[in-house]
N, C-alpha and C. Protein backbone atom coordinates (compact mmCIF):
# COMPACT_ATOMS: atom_id res chain seq x y z
N UNK A 1 -7.19 -18.94 6.47
CA UNK A 1 -8.38 -19.20 7.24
C UNK A 1 -8.07 -19.14 8.72
N UNK A 2 -9.08 -18.99 9.52
CA UNK A 2 -8.88 -18.85 10.96
C UNK A 2 -8.61 -20.20 11.61
N UNK A 3 -7.60 -20.29 12.51
CA UNK A 3 -7.47 -21.51 13.29
C UNK A 3 -8.76 -21.74 14.05
N UNK A 4 -9.15 -22.98 14.16
CA UNK A 4 -10.42 -23.28 14.81
C UNK A 4 -10.21 -24.18 16.02
N UNK A 5 -11.22 -24.20 16.88
CA UNK A 5 -11.19 -25.06 18.04
C UNK A 5 -11.30 -26.49 17.57
N UNK A 6 -10.44 -27.37 18.11
CA UNK A 6 -10.47 -28.75 17.68
C UNK A 6 -10.25 -29.70 18.82
N UNK A 7 -10.89 -30.86 18.74
CA UNK A 7 -10.61 -31.98 19.61
C UNK A 7 -10.94 -31.80 21.06
N UNK A 8 -10.71 -32.87 21.79
CA UNK A 8 -11.02 -32.91 23.22
C UNK A 8 -9.92 -32.27 24.05
N UNK A 9 -8.85 -31.83 23.42
CA UNK A 9 -7.75 -31.23 24.17
C UNK A 9 -8.03 -29.79 24.55
N UNK A 10 -9.18 -29.27 24.16
CA UNK A 10 -9.51 -27.90 24.54
C UNK A 10 -9.46 -26.96 23.35
N UNK A 11 -9.73 -25.72 23.63
CA UNK A 11 -9.73 -24.71 22.59
C UNK A 11 -8.31 -24.34 22.19
N UNK A 12 -8.12 -24.20 20.92
CA UNK A 12 -6.84 -23.72 20.39
C UNK A 12 -7.14 -22.38 19.72
N UNK A 13 -7.16 -21.35 20.53
CA UNK A 13 -7.53 -20.03 20.06
C UNK A 13 -6.37 -19.06 20.30
N UNK A 14 -5.99 -18.29 19.28
CA UNK A 14 -4.91 -17.32 19.48
C UNK A 14 -5.23 -16.31 20.58
N UNK A 15 -4.20 -15.87 21.27
CA UNK A 15 -4.31 -14.85 22.31
C UNK A 15 -4.66 -13.51 21.69
N UNK A 16 -5.28 -12.67 22.48
CA UNK A 16 -5.53 -11.28 22.09
C UNK A 16 -4.43 -10.41 22.68
N UNK A 17 -4.11 -9.37 21.96
CA UNK A 17 -3.09 -8.41 22.40
C UNK A 17 -3.65 -7.01 22.23
N UNK A 18 -2.90 -6.03 22.68
CA UNK A 18 -3.32 -4.64 22.48
C UNK A 18 -3.16 -4.29 21.00
N UNK A 19 -3.70 -3.16 20.61
CA UNK A 19 -3.56 -2.72 19.22
C UNK A 19 -2.16 -2.20 18.91
N UNK A 20 -1.35 -2.03 19.97
CA UNK A 20 0.02 -1.56 19.76
C UNK A 20 0.75 -2.54 18.86
N UNK A 21 1.57 -2.06 17.97
CA UNK A 21 2.37 -2.84 17.02
C UNK A 21 1.51 -3.55 15.98
N UNK A 22 0.28 -3.12 15.80
CA UNK A 22 -0.56 -3.69 14.76
C UNK A 22 -1.01 -5.12 15.02
N UNK A 23 -1.06 -5.55 16.28
CA UNK A 23 -1.46 -6.92 16.57
C UNK A 23 -2.95 -6.94 16.85
N UNK A 24 -3.38 -6.55 18.03
CA UNK A 24 -4.80 -6.44 18.31
C UNK A 24 -5.45 -7.70 18.82
N UNK A 25 -6.76 -7.61 19.05
CA UNK A 25 -7.53 -8.69 19.66
C UNK A 25 -7.95 -9.73 18.62
N UNK A 26 -8.03 -10.97 19.06
CA UNK A 26 -8.50 -12.08 18.24
C UNK A 26 -9.98 -12.30 18.52
N UNK A 27 -10.86 -12.57 17.61
CA UNK A 27 -10.60 -12.81 16.19
C UNK A 27 -10.73 -11.56 15.33
N UNK A 28 -10.95 -10.39 15.95
CA UNK A 28 -11.10 -9.17 15.17
C UNK A 28 -9.90 -8.92 14.26
N UNK A 29 -8.68 -9.20 14.76
CA UNK A 29 -7.51 -8.93 13.92
C UNK A 29 -7.49 -9.82 12.69
N UNK A 30 -7.97 -11.07 12.81
CA UNK A 30 -8.01 -11.96 11.65
C UNK A 30 -9.04 -11.48 10.64
N UNK A 31 -10.15 -10.98 11.12
CA UNK A 31 -11.19 -10.49 10.22
C UNK A 31 -10.79 -9.17 9.58
N UNK A 32 -10.13 -8.32 10.35
CA UNK A 32 -9.71 -7.01 9.85
C UNK A 32 -8.42 -7.09 9.03
N UNK A 33 -7.54 -8.02 9.38
CA UNK A 33 -6.22 -8.13 8.74
C UNK A 33 -5.97 -9.56 8.25
N UNK A 34 -6.75 -10.06 7.30
CA UNK A 34 -6.64 -11.47 6.92
C UNK A 34 -5.32 -11.86 6.25
N UNK A 35 -4.57 -10.92 5.74
CA UNK A 35 -3.29 -11.23 5.09
C UNK A 35 -2.11 -11.25 6.07
N UNK A 36 -2.39 -11.01 7.34
CA UNK A 36 -1.32 -10.97 8.33
C UNK A 36 -1.10 -12.37 8.91
N UNK A 37 0.12 -12.64 9.38
CA UNK A 37 0.37 -13.96 9.98
C UNK A 37 -0.41 -14.13 11.28
N UNK A 38 -0.80 -15.36 11.57
CA UNK A 38 -1.45 -15.67 12.84
C UNK A 38 -0.37 -15.70 13.91
N UNK A 39 -0.56 -14.94 14.97
CA UNK A 39 0.36 -14.94 16.10
C UNK A 39 -0.44 -15.22 17.37
N UNK A 40 0.27 -15.34 18.49
CA UNK A 40 -0.43 -15.60 19.75
C UNK A 40 -0.87 -17.04 19.86
N UNK A 41 -0.13 -17.95 19.21
CA UNK A 41 -0.45 -19.37 19.27
C UNK A 41 0.70 -20.13 19.92
N UNK A 42 0.35 -21.05 20.79
CA UNK A 42 1.35 -21.92 21.39
C UNK A 42 1.79 -22.97 20.36
N UNK A 43 2.84 -23.71 20.71
CA UNK A 43 3.28 -24.80 19.85
C UNK A 43 2.15 -25.82 19.68
N UNK A 44 1.47 -26.15 20.78
CA UNK A 44 0.36 -27.10 20.71
C UNK A 44 -0.77 -26.59 19.81
N UNK A 45 -1.05 -25.29 19.87
CA UNK A 45 -2.07 -24.71 18.99
C UNK A 45 -1.68 -24.90 17.53
N UNK A 46 -0.42 -24.60 17.23
CA UNK A 46 0.06 -24.70 15.85
C UNK A 46 -0.01 -26.15 15.35
N UNK A 47 0.41 -27.09 16.19
CA UNK A 47 0.36 -28.51 15.82
C UNK A 47 -1.09 -28.97 15.62
N UNK A 48 -1.97 -28.56 16.52
CA UNK A 48 -3.37 -28.96 16.41
C UNK A 48 -3.98 -28.42 15.12
N UNK A 49 -3.70 -27.17 14.79
CA UNK A 49 -4.24 -26.62 13.55
C UNK A 49 -3.67 -27.37 12.35
N UNK A 50 -2.35 -27.58 12.34
CA UNK A 50 -1.72 -28.28 11.21
C UNK A 50 -2.36 -29.65 11.00
N UNK A 51 -2.54 -30.39 12.08
CA UNK A 51 -3.15 -31.72 11.97
C UNK A 51 -4.59 -31.64 11.47
N UNK A 52 -5.31 -30.59 11.87
CA UNK A 52 -6.71 -30.46 11.46
C UNK A 52 -6.87 -30.23 9.97
N UNK A 53 -5.81 -29.76 9.31
CA UNK A 53 -5.85 -29.53 7.87
C UNK A 53 -4.95 -30.50 7.11
N UNK A 54 -4.56 -31.60 7.77
CA UNK A 54 -3.78 -32.64 7.12
C UNK A 54 -2.34 -32.27 6.85
N UNK A 55 -1.79 -31.38 7.67
CA UNK A 55 -0.40 -30.96 7.48
C UNK A 55 0.35 -31.11 8.79
N UNK A 56 1.53 -30.50 8.89
CA UNK A 56 2.36 -30.58 10.08
C UNK A 56 3.27 -29.35 10.12
N UNK A 57 4.00 -29.19 11.23
CA UNK A 57 5.04 -28.17 11.30
C UNK A 57 6.29 -28.72 10.65
N UNK A 58 7.10 -27.88 10.02
CA UNK A 58 8.36 -28.38 9.46
C UNK A 58 9.34 -28.72 10.57
N UNK A 59 10.21 -29.68 10.30
CA UNK A 59 11.32 -29.90 11.24
C UNK A 59 12.26 -28.71 11.13
N UNK A 60 13.14 -28.58 12.10
CA UNK A 60 14.10 -27.48 12.05
C UNK A 60 14.98 -27.58 10.81
N UNK A 61 15.41 -28.78 10.47
CA UNK A 61 16.28 -28.93 9.30
C UNK A 61 15.53 -28.62 8.00
N UNK A 62 14.25 -29.00 7.92
CA UNK A 62 13.46 -28.65 6.74
C UNK A 62 13.31 -27.14 6.64
N UNK A 63 13.04 -26.50 7.78
CA UNK A 63 12.88 -25.05 7.79
C UNK A 63 14.16 -24.39 7.28
N UNK A 64 15.31 -24.82 7.83
CA UNK A 64 16.57 -24.19 7.44
C UNK A 64 16.89 -24.41 5.97
N UNK A 65 16.65 -25.59 5.46
CA UNK A 65 16.89 -25.87 4.04
C UNK A 65 16.02 -24.96 3.16
N UNK A 66 14.76 -24.81 3.51
CA UNK A 66 13.87 -23.94 2.75
C UNK A 66 14.33 -22.49 2.80
N UNK A 67 14.93 -22.09 3.93
CA UNK A 67 15.37 -20.70 4.10
C UNK A 67 16.67 -20.41 3.36
N UNK A 68 17.67 -21.28 3.48
CA UNK A 68 18.97 -20.92 2.89
C UNK A 68 19.30 -21.61 1.58
N UNK A 69 18.50 -22.57 1.16
CA UNK A 69 18.74 -23.23 -0.12
C UNK A 69 19.95 -24.15 -0.07
N UNK A 70 20.41 -24.58 -1.24
CA UNK A 70 21.52 -25.54 -1.30
C UNK A 70 22.89 -24.92 -1.09
N UNK A 71 22.95 -23.59 -1.08
CA UNK A 71 24.26 -22.94 -1.02
C UNK A 71 24.53 -22.21 0.29
N UNK A 72 23.67 -22.35 1.26
CA UNK A 72 23.92 -21.78 2.59
C UNK A 72 23.94 -20.28 2.65
N UNK A 73 22.90 -19.63 2.18
CA UNK A 73 22.82 -18.17 2.24
C UNK A 73 22.67 -17.69 3.69
N UNK A 74 23.19 -16.49 3.98
CA UNK A 74 23.04 -15.90 5.32
C UNK A 74 21.59 -15.49 5.59
N UNK A 75 20.95 -14.95 4.57
CA UNK A 75 19.53 -14.59 4.63
C UNK A 75 18.87 -15.28 3.44
N UNK A 76 17.59 -15.45 3.46
CA UNK A 76 16.95 -16.17 2.36
C UNK A 76 17.26 -15.60 0.97
N UNK A 77 17.44 -14.30 0.85
CA UNK A 77 17.69 -13.66 -0.44
C UNK A 77 19.15 -13.66 -0.84
N UNK A 78 20.06 -14.00 0.04
CA UNK A 78 21.49 -14.00 -0.28
C UNK A 78 22.33 -13.57 0.90
N UNK A 79 23.53 -13.07 0.60
CA UNK A 79 24.46 -12.70 1.67
C UNK A 79 24.59 -11.20 1.89
N UNK A 80 23.89 -10.39 1.10
CA UNK A 80 23.97 -8.95 1.28
C UNK A 80 22.92 -8.49 2.29
N UNK A 81 23.32 -7.58 3.14
CA UNK A 81 22.43 -7.05 4.18
C UNK A 81 21.51 -6.02 3.55
N UNK A 82 20.34 -6.45 3.14
CA UNK A 82 19.35 -5.59 2.50
C UNK A 82 18.09 -5.57 3.34
N UNK A 83 17.26 -4.54 3.22
CA UNK A 83 16.01 -4.48 3.99
C UNK A 83 14.89 -5.30 3.33
N UNK A 84 15.13 -6.61 3.16
CA UNK A 84 14.14 -7.48 2.52
C UNK A 84 13.36 -8.30 3.53
N UNK A 85 13.24 -7.77 4.75
CA UNK A 85 12.49 -8.47 5.80
C UNK A 85 11.97 -7.44 6.79
N UNK A 86 10.91 -7.79 7.48
CA UNK A 86 10.32 -6.92 8.49
C UNK A 86 11.06 -7.12 9.81
N UNK A 87 11.90 -6.17 10.16
CA UNK A 87 12.69 -6.24 11.39
C UNK A 87 12.51 -4.96 12.20
N UNK A 88 12.97 -5.02 13.45
CA UNK A 88 12.88 -3.88 14.35
C UNK A 88 13.74 -2.73 13.86
N UNK A 89 13.15 -1.56 13.71
CA UNK A 89 13.87 -0.37 13.26
C UNK A 89 14.66 -0.62 11.99
N UNK A 90 14.09 -1.39 11.08
CA UNK A 90 14.81 -1.75 9.86
C UNK A 90 14.58 -0.82 8.69
N UNK A 91 13.77 0.22 8.87
CA UNK A 91 13.48 1.12 7.76
C UNK A 91 12.82 0.37 6.61
N UNK A 92 11.98 -0.59 6.95
CA UNK A 92 11.43 -1.51 5.96
C UNK A 92 9.98 -1.24 5.59
N UNK A 93 9.41 -0.18 6.10
CA UNK A 93 8.03 0.14 5.76
C UNK A 93 7.02 -0.33 6.79
N UNK A 94 7.39 -1.26 7.62
CA UNK A 94 6.50 -1.76 8.68
C UNK A 94 7.23 -1.73 10.01
N UNK A 95 7.99 -0.68 10.24
CA UNK A 95 8.80 -0.60 11.45
C UNK A 95 7.99 -0.87 12.71
N UNK A 96 8.53 -1.77 13.50
CA UNK A 96 8.03 -2.02 14.84
C UNK A 96 6.58 -2.51 14.89
N UNK A 97 6.24 -3.39 13.96
CA UNK A 97 4.93 -4.00 13.93
C UNK A 97 4.89 -5.11 12.90
N UNK A 98 3.82 -5.88 12.90
CA UNK A 98 3.67 -6.99 11.98
C UNK A 98 3.30 -6.48 10.59
N UNK A 99 3.80 -7.16 9.58
CA UNK A 99 3.50 -6.82 8.18
C UNK A 99 2.65 -7.91 7.54
N UNK A 100 1.90 -7.57 6.49
CA UNK A 100 1.16 -8.60 5.77
C UNK A 100 2.09 -9.65 5.18
N UNK A 101 1.61 -10.88 5.09
CA UNK A 101 2.37 -11.96 4.47
C UNK A 101 2.70 -11.59 3.03
N UNK A 102 3.93 -11.84 2.61
CA UNK A 102 4.35 -11.57 1.23
C UNK A 102 4.70 -10.14 0.93
N UNK A 103 4.91 -9.31 1.96
CA UNK A 103 5.23 -7.89 1.75
C UNK A 103 6.64 -7.65 1.23
N UNK A 104 7.48 -8.66 1.26
CA UNK A 104 8.89 -8.50 0.87
C UNK A 104 9.26 -9.53 -0.19
N UNK A 105 8.73 -9.38 -1.41
CA UNK A 105 9.01 -10.38 -2.45
C UNK A 105 10.49 -10.52 -2.79
N UNK A 106 11.28 -9.45 -2.61
CA UNK A 106 12.72 -9.55 -2.86
C UNK A 106 13.43 -10.39 -1.80
N UNK A 107 12.73 -10.69 -0.71
CA UNK A 107 13.32 -11.47 0.37
C UNK A 107 13.04 -12.96 0.28
N UNK A 108 12.46 -13.41 -0.82
CA UNK A 108 12.14 -14.83 -0.94
C UNK A 108 13.41 -15.67 -0.97
N UNK A 109 13.27 -16.93 -0.59
CA UNK A 109 14.42 -17.83 -0.53
C UNK A 109 14.77 -18.38 -1.92
N UNK A 110 15.85 -19.10 -2.00
CA UNK A 110 16.29 -19.75 -3.23
C UNK A 110 15.16 -20.57 -3.84
N UNK A 111 14.35 -21.20 -2.99
CA UNK A 111 13.24 -22.03 -3.46
C UNK A 111 11.95 -21.25 -3.67
N UNK A 112 12.00 -19.93 -3.48
CA UNK A 112 10.82 -19.09 -3.66
C UNK A 112 9.91 -19.01 -2.46
N UNK A 113 10.39 -19.45 -1.31
CA UNK A 113 9.57 -19.42 -0.09
C UNK A 113 9.63 -18.01 0.49
N UNK A 114 8.46 -17.46 0.79
CA UNK A 114 8.36 -16.09 1.28
C UNK A 114 8.44 -16.03 2.80
N UNK A 115 8.87 -14.88 3.30
CA UNK A 115 8.81 -14.53 4.73
C UNK A 115 9.56 -15.50 5.64
N UNK A 116 10.73 -15.97 5.20
CA UNK A 116 11.53 -16.86 6.04
C UNK A 116 12.41 -16.06 7.01
N UNK A 117 12.50 -14.76 6.82
CA UNK A 117 13.27 -13.90 7.72
C UNK A 117 12.37 -12.77 8.19
N UNK A 118 12.39 -12.51 9.49
CA UNK A 118 11.64 -11.39 10.03
C UNK A 118 10.14 -11.65 10.10
N UNK A 119 9.42 -10.62 10.41
CA UNK A 119 7.98 -10.57 10.60
C UNK A 119 7.58 -11.36 11.85
N UNK A 120 7.50 -12.70 11.79
CA UNK A 120 7.24 -13.48 13.00
C UNK A 120 8.15 -14.70 13.03
N UNK A 121 8.61 -15.04 14.24
CA UNK A 121 9.31 -16.30 14.44
C UNK A 121 8.34 -17.41 14.08
N UNK A 122 8.87 -18.57 13.75
CA UNK A 122 8.02 -19.70 13.38
C UNK A 122 8.35 -20.93 14.21
N UNK A 123 7.32 -21.54 14.78
CA UNK A 123 7.49 -22.79 15.49
C UNK A 123 7.97 -23.87 14.52
N UNK A 124 8.87 -24.73 14.98
CA UNK A 124 9.21 -25.92 14.22
C UNK A 124 8.81 -27.13 15.04
N UNK A 125 8.89 -28.30 14.46
CA UNK A 125 8.48 -29.53 15.14
C UNK A 125 9.46 -29.96 16.22
N UNK A 126 10.69 -29.48 16.19
CA UNK A 126 11.78 -30.01 17.02
C UNK A 126 11.83 -29.47 18.45
N UNK A 127 12.24 -30.37 19.35
CA UNK A 127 12.67 -29.95 20.68
C UNK A 127 14.02 -29.28 20.52
N UNK A 128 14.37 -28.36 21.42
CA UNK A 128 15.64 -27.65 21.35
C UNK A 128 16.71 -28.37 22.17
N UNK A 129 17.89 -28.46 21.60
CA UNK A 129 19.09 -28.89 22.31
C UNK A 129 20.26 -28.15 21.71
N UNK A 130 21.11 -27.56 22.55
CA UNK A 130 22.25 -26.85 22.00
C UNK A 130 23.34 -27.80 21.52
N UNK A 131 23.28 -29.07 21.89
CA UNK A 131 24.31 -30.03 21.50
C UNK A 131 23.82 -31.04 20.45
N UNK A 132 22.55 -31.04 20.12
CA UNK A 132 21.99 -32.08 19.25
C UNK A 132 22.73 -32.23 17.93
N UNK A 133 23.09 -31.14 17.29
CA UNK A 133 23.70 -31.23 15.96
C UNK A 133 25.15 -31.72 15.99
N UNK A 134 25.72 -31.92 17.16
CA UNK A 134 27.06 -32.51 17.22
C UNK A 134 27.00 -34.03 17.07
N UNK A 135 25.83 -34.63 17.32
CA UNK A 135 25.70 -36.09 17.19
C UNK A 135 24.52 -36.51 16.32
N UNK A 136 23.84 -35.59 15.70
CA UNK A 136 22.65 -35.92 14.90
C UNK A 136 23.04 -36.56 13.57
N UNK A 137 22.08 -37.21 12.92
CA UNK A 137 22.34 -37.70 11.56
C UNK A 137 22.67 -36.53 10.64
N UNK A 138 23.51 -36.76 9.66
CA UNK A 138 23.86 -35.70 8.71
C UNK A 138 22.69 -35.36 7.79
N UNK A 139 21.88 -36.34 7.47
CA UNK A 139 20.79 -36.13 6.52
C UNK A 139 19.44 -36.08 7.24
N UNK A 140 18.74 -34.99 7.09
CA UNK A 140 17.38 -34.79 7.60
C UNK A 140 17.20 -35.15 9.07
N UNK A 141 17.96 -34.52 9.97
CA UNK A 141 17.78 -34.80 11.40
C UNK A 141 16.40 -34.36 11.88
N UNK A 142 15.85 -35.07 12.84
CA UNK A 142 14.50 -34.81 13.33
C UNK A 142 14.47 -34.12 14.69
N UNK A 143 15.61 -33.81 15.26
CA UNK A 143 15.66 -33.17 16.58
C UNK A 143 15.62 -34.20 17.69
N UNK A 144 15.95 -33.77 18.91
CA UNK A 144 15.95 -34.69 20.05
C UNK A 144 14.55 -35.21 20.37
N UNK A 145 14.49 -36.33 21.08
CA UNK A 145 13.21 -36.95 21.42
C UNK A 145 12.44 -36.21 22.50
N UNK A 146 13.14 -35.48 23.37
CA UNK A 146 12.48 -34.76 24.47
C UNK A 146 13.18 -33.43 24.68
N UNK A 147 12.57 -32.61 25.50
CA UNK A 147 13.17 -31.33 25.84
C UNK A 147 12.20 -30.47 26.62
N UNK A 148 12.63 -29.27 26.94
CA UNK A 148 11.79 -28.31 27.65
C UNK A 148 11.30 -27.20 26.73
N UNK A 149 12.06 -26.90 25.68
CA UNK A 149 11.74 -25.81 24.76
C UNK A 149 11.59 -26.37 23.35
N UNK A 150 10.82 -25.67 22.55
CA UNK A 150 10.72 -25.99 21.12
C UNK A 150 11.52 -24.96 20.34
N UNK A 151 12.01 -25.36 19.18
CA UNK A 151 12.83 -24.49 18.35
C UNK A 151 11.92 -23.54 17.58
N UNK A 152 12.31 -22.27 17.57
CA UNK A 152 11.69 -21.27 16.70
C UNK A 152 12.76 -20.75 15.76
N UNK A 153 12.35 -20.39 14.55
CA UNK A 153 13.32 -19.94 13.56
C UNK A 153 12.80 -18.71 12.82
N UNK A 154 13.72 -17.97 12.22
CA UNK A 154 13.39 -16.89 11.31
C UNK A 154 13.46 -15.47 11.84
N UNK A 155 13.43 -15.30 13.14
CA UNK A 155 13.41 -13.95 13.67
C UNK A 155 12.07 -13.28 13.45
N UNK A 156 11.89 -12.12 14.02
CA UNK A 156 10.60 -11.46 13.92
C UNK A 156 10.73 -9.95 13.85
N UNK A 157 9.58 -9.31 13.88
CA UNK A 157 9.51 -7.85 13.81
C UNK A 157 10.14 -7.21 15.04
N UNK A 158 10.38 -7.97 16.09
CA UNK A 158 10.99 -7.46 17.32
C UNK A 158 12.51 -7.58 17.31
N UNK A 159 13.08 -8.09 16.22
CA UNK A 159 14.50 -8.43 16.19
C UNK A 159 15.31 -7.63 15.19
N UNK A 160 16.60 -7.54 15.47
CA UNK A 160 17.58 -7.00 14.55
C UNK A 160 17.74 -7.99 13.40
N UNK A 161 18.16 -7.53 12.24
CA UNK A 161 18.31 -8.37 11.05
C UNK A 161 19.25 -9.55 11.30
N UNK A 162 20.24 -9.41 12.15
CA UNK A 162 21.17 -10.51 12.40
C UNK A 162 20.50 -11.70 13.09
N UNK A 163 19.44 -11.47 13.84
CA UNK A 163 18.71 -12.58 14.46
C UNK A 163 17.74 -13.23 13.48
N UNK A 164 17.68 -12.68 12.28
CA UNK A 164 16.81 -13.23 11.24
C UNK A 164 17.60 -14.04 10.22
N UNK A 165 18.86 -14.30 10.51
CA UNK A 165 19.71 -15.08 9.60
C UNK A 165 19.21 -16.52 9.51
N UNK A 166 19.50 -17.17 8.41
CA UNK A 166 18.98 -18.52 8.16
C UNK A 166 19.51 -19.56 9.14
N UNK A 167 20.64 -19.29 9.77
CA UNK A 167 21.21 -20.27 10.70
C UNK A 167 20.95 -19.93 12.17
N UNK A 168 20.35 -18.78 12.43
CA UNK A 168 20.10 -18.39 13.82
C UNK A 168 18.93 -19.19 14.36
N UNK A 169 19.16 -19.85 15.49
CA UNK A 169 18.10 -20.66 16.10
C UNK A 169 17.86 -20.18 17.52
N UNK A 170 16.62 -20.32 17.94
CA UNK A 170 16.25 -19.88 19.27
C UNK A 170 15.24 -20.87 19.83
N UNK A 171 15.00 -20.80 21.12
CA UNK A 171 14.07 -21.73 21.76
C UNK A 171 13.03 -20.95 22.56
N UNK A 172 11.87 -21.60 22.74
CA UNK A 172 10.78 -20.95 23.46
C UNK A 172 9.94 -22.04 24.10
N UNK A 173 9.37 -21.73 25.28
CA UNK A 173 8.50 -22.70 25.93
C UNK A 173 7.28 -22.95 25.06
N UNK A 174 6.95 -24.21 24.79
CA UNK A 174 5.86 -24.52 23.84
C UNK A 174 4.47 -24.09 24.28
N UNK A 175 4.28 -23.82 25.56
CA UNK A 175 2.94 -23.43 26.04
C UNK A 175 2.70 -21.92 25.95
N UNK A 176 3.73 -21.14 25.69
CA UNK A 176 3.58 -19.68 25.67
C UNK A 176 3.05 -19.18 24.33
N UNK A 177 2.32 -18.06 24.40
CA UNK A 177 1.76 -17.42 23.21
C UNK A 177 2.21 -15.96 23.21
N UNK A 178 2.81 -15.51 22.11
CA UNK A 178 3.30 -14.14 22.04
C UNK A 178 2.85 -13.48 20.74
N UNK A 179 3.10 -12.18 20.68
CA UNK A 179 2.74 -11.41 19.49
C UNK A 179 3.82 -11.47 18.41
N UNK A 180 4.88 -12.25 18.64
CA UNK A 180 5.96 -12.31 17.65
C UNK A 180 6.30 -13.74 17.22
N UNK A 181 5.45 -14.72 17.58
CA UNK A 181 5.67 -16.10 17.11
C UNK A 181 4.41 -16.59 16.41
N UNK A 182 4.61 -17.15 15.24
CA UNK A 182 3.55 -17.77 14.46
C UNK A 182 4.01 -19.14 13.99
N UNK A 183 3.56 -19.56 12.83
CA UNK A 183 3.96 -20.86 12.31
C UNK A 183 3.74 -20.92 10.82
N UNK A 184 4.35 -21.90 10.20
CA UNK A 184 4.11 -22.20 8.79
C UNK A 184 3.85 -23.69 8.69
N UNK A 185 3.10 -24.07 7.71
CA UNK A 185 2.73 -25.47 7.55
C UNK A 185 3.65 -26.19 6.57
N UNK A 186 3.77 -27.49 6.76
CA UNK A 186 4.57 -28.33 5.87
C UNK A 186 3.77 -29.59 5.57
N UNK A 187 4.13 -30.23 4.48
CA UNK A 187 3.51 -31.50 4.11
C UNK A 187 4.60 -32.39 3.56
N UNK A 188 4.58 -33.64 3.95
CA UNK A 188 5.55 -34.59 3.43
C UNK A 188 5.19 -34.90 1.99
N UNK A 189 6.18 -34.81 1.11
CA UNK A 189 5.95 -35.08 -0.31
C UNK A 189 5.60 -36.55 -0.49
N UNK A 190 4.64 -36.78 -1.34
CA UNK A 190 4.28 -38.16 -1.64
C UNK A 190 5.36 -38.76 -2.52
N UNK A 191 5.77 -39.97 -2.21
CA UNK A 191 6.79 -40.61 -3.02
C UNK A 191 6.12 -41.22 -4.26
N UNK A 192 6.82 -41.15 -5.36
CA UNK A 192 6.29 -41.73 -6.59
C UNK A 192 7.00 -43.04 -6.85
N UNK A 193 6.35 -43.95 -7.54
CA UNK A 193 7.00 -45.23 -7.84
C UNK A 193 8.29 -45.00 -8.62
N UNK A 194 9.28 -45.81 -8.32
CA UNK A 194 10.57 -45.68 -9.03
C UNK A 194 10.37 -45.99 -10.49
N UNK A 195 10.99 -45.20 -11.32
CA UNK A 195 10.86 -45.46 -12.76
C UNK A 195 11.67 -46.69 -13.13
N UNK A 196 11.14 -47.42 -14.08
CA UNK A 196 11.79 -48.67 -14.46
C UNK A 196 12.67 -48.47 -15.66
């Protein structure tokens, strides 16, 4: 569904781009290409949309776990360099442009999560710090409390396959909107009563 304007914080509307690289103007691109990822959204836009539907952005550690699984794969599908993601000049069928969501079923992660590598970078909930993981908790770290950049993960259609590795992390100013960053939603699992 289309991200919608919400709250008193202003409009949260994706940016329009040229038709080059299969992006195009909003909302025409959403109406014409409904299976494509939403791009041109700032971190605040992504958070506002997630909250409006009762969800949130994944933390960086949640994102990475979903991408590489319990065994630390280099790419979501494993350790072999295969064209299972939409990357720049990758000979993948969608060279140098955005692909529909789910176009690379062989690229799914250990947990069956699609599109964790390539196509569009994804905003995470965390602030970026290059030193955070040297002192963070070992289990489910939440990222630093403050920062200037937000963490993006997964690589995009503008990147070489090596920047789409499950451990590659990058940062971006949260107020910027580009044609190569989108988001994915997460929900905290409800805890069930302990069995007796």
